Protein backbone atom coordinates (compact mmCIF):
# COMPACT_ATOMS: atom_id res chain seq x y z
CA MET A 1 116.01 67.23 84.30
CA ALA A 2 116.88 70.78 81.88
CA THR A 3 116.01 73.86 83.84
CA LYS A 4 114.89 77.05 82.47
CA ASN A 5 115.25 80.54 84.51
CA ASP A 6 113.18 83.16 82.58
CA LEU A 7 116.00 85.58 83.64
CA GLU A 8 118.68 83.62 81.74
CA PRO A 9 118.80 82.81 78.07
CA PHE A 10 120.23 79.33 78.17
CA THR A 11 118.36 76.35 79.57
CA ARG A 12 120.40 74.37 82.39
CA ILE A 13 121.41 70.67 81.46
CA SER A 14 122.73 67.82 83.25
CA VAL A 15 125.43 65.75 81.84
CA ASP A 16 122.88 62.91 80.75
CA GLU A 17 120.60 65.23 78.96
CA ALA A 18 124.34 66.39 77.06
CA GLU A 19 125.12 63.17 76.23
CA GLU A 20 122.03 62.47 74.84
CA MET A 21 121.66 65.54 72.83
CA LEU A 22 125.32 65.26 71.54
CA LYS A 23 123.88 61.84 69.53
CA GLU A 24 121.89 64.36 67.38
CA ASP A 25 123.13 65.91 64.25
CA ASP A 26 121.92 69.46 65.19
CA VAL A 27 124.12 70.44 68.21
CA ALA A 28 127.52 71.50 68.80
CA LEU A 29 129.50 71.64 71.74
CA ILE A 30 131.55 74.43 72.76
CA ASP A 31 134.20 73.91 75.47
CA VAL A 32 134.98 77.69 76.59
CA ARG A 33 138.11 76.59 79.22
CA ASP A 34 141.87 77.57 78.69
CA PRO A 35 143.81 75.41 76.14
CA HIS A 36 146.07 73.89 78.63
CA GLU A 37 142.67 72.37 80.39
CA PHE A 38 141.22 71.54 77.27
CA GLU A 39 144.29 69.33 76.22
CA GLY A 40 143.98 68.04 79.77
CA GLY A 41 140.60 66.05 78.88
CA HIS A 42 137.50 66.96 76.89
CA VAL A 43 134.24 65.50 75.32
CA ASN A 44 135.21 64.07 72.04
CA GLY A 45 133.88 66.55 68.99
CA ALA A 46 133.82 69.62 71.61
CA ALA A 47 135.30 72.80 69.92
CA LEU A 48 137.79 74.66 71.80
CA ILE A 49 136.31 78.70 71.79
CA PRO A 50 138.27 79.99 75.62
CA VAL A 51 135.32 81.81 77.21
CA ASN A 52 137.12 85.27 77.08
CA SER A 53 137.20 85.17 73.17
CA VAL A 54 133.50 83.58 72.57
CA TYR A 55 131.64 87.23 71.60
CA ALA A 56 134.85 88.35 69.37
CA ARG A 57 134.62 84.33 67.95
CA ARG A 58 130.82 84.42 67.65
CA GLU A 59 131.26 84.13 63.70
CA GLU A 60 132.96 80.30 64.82
CA LEU A 61 129.98 79.67 66.38
CA PRO A 62 128.12 76.64 64.55
CA SER A 63 124.67 78.19 62.85
CA GLY A 64 121.55 76.17 62.57
CA LYS A 65 122.53 74.10 65.61
CA ARG A 66 121.59 74.02 69.59
CA LEU A 67 124.70 74.72 70.95
CA LEU A 68 125.86 73.13 74.38
CA PHE A 69 128.87 74.91 76.40
CA VAL A 70 130.91 73.72 78.83
CA CYS A 71 133.83 74.68 81.31
CA ALA A 72 135.60 73.04 84.30
CA ARG A 73 132.48 73.53 86.78
CA GLY A 74 129.41 75.30 84.80
CA GLN A 75 130.40 79.29 85.50
CA ARG A 76 132.45 80.23 82.77
CA SER A 77 130.01 78.01 79.98
CA ALA A 78 127.31 80.56 81.77
CA LEU A 79 128.82 83.38 80.93
CA ALA A 80 129.92 82.13 77.71
CA ALA A 81 126.22 81.28 76.47
CA GLU A 82 125.06 84.86 77.63
CA MET A 83 127.96 86.10 75.11
CA ALA A 84 126.31 83.99 72.55
CA ALA A 85 122.71 85.63 73.27
CA ALA A 86 124.22 88.97 73.19
CA ALA A 87 125.45 88.08 69.61
CA GLY A 88 121.54 86.56 68.62
CA ARG A 89 122.20 83.30 69.07
CA THR A 90 119.24 80.82 70.56
CA GLU A 91 118.78 77.46 71.66
CA LEU A 92 121.56 77.69 74.39
CA TYR A 93 122.58 75.16 76.95
CA ASN A 94 124.85 75.26 79.60
CA VAL A 95 126.12 72.03 80.87
CA GLU A 96 125.87 72.02 85.02
CA GLY A 97 128.59 70.95 86.53
CA GLY A 98 131.16 70.95 83.57
CA MET A 99 134.04 68.41 82.67
CA GLU A 100 134.24 67.93 86.55
CA ALA A 101 131.08 66.70 86.67
CA TRP A 102 131.30 65.24 83.07
CA ALA A 103 134.41 62.87 84.28
CA SER A 104 132.70 62.06 88.00
CA ALA A 105 129.59 60.56 86.24
CA GLY A 106 132.38 58.23 84.04
CA LYS A 107 131.59 59.88 80.78
CA PRO A 108 134.11 59.49 78.12
CA VAL A 109 137.00 61.77 77.94
CA GLU A 110 138.95 62.68 75.06
CA ARG A 111 143.17 63.15 75.71
């Protein structure tokens, strides 16, 4: 179940919630892992913007969309969502458990 902490500019969502949201046109998934991690397996359609470059590449974040951030376990993606918020973006989501939870749940992984 989605959870929102008032101290965080993003909402925490499960991999099931992320999968459902990704069926909608107004949602974009940003994978913030390193390129070698991304190449090892990622969610189909995810854009790769490593966490250390999210703020610098903020213009590449799709506008007019809800942004879902994913990493390996959920820590880097939370940081990336914070950076997106600092860049003025809203409607931000962190996929809890990251790609480890995604793969463990049997969700499709593209290689």
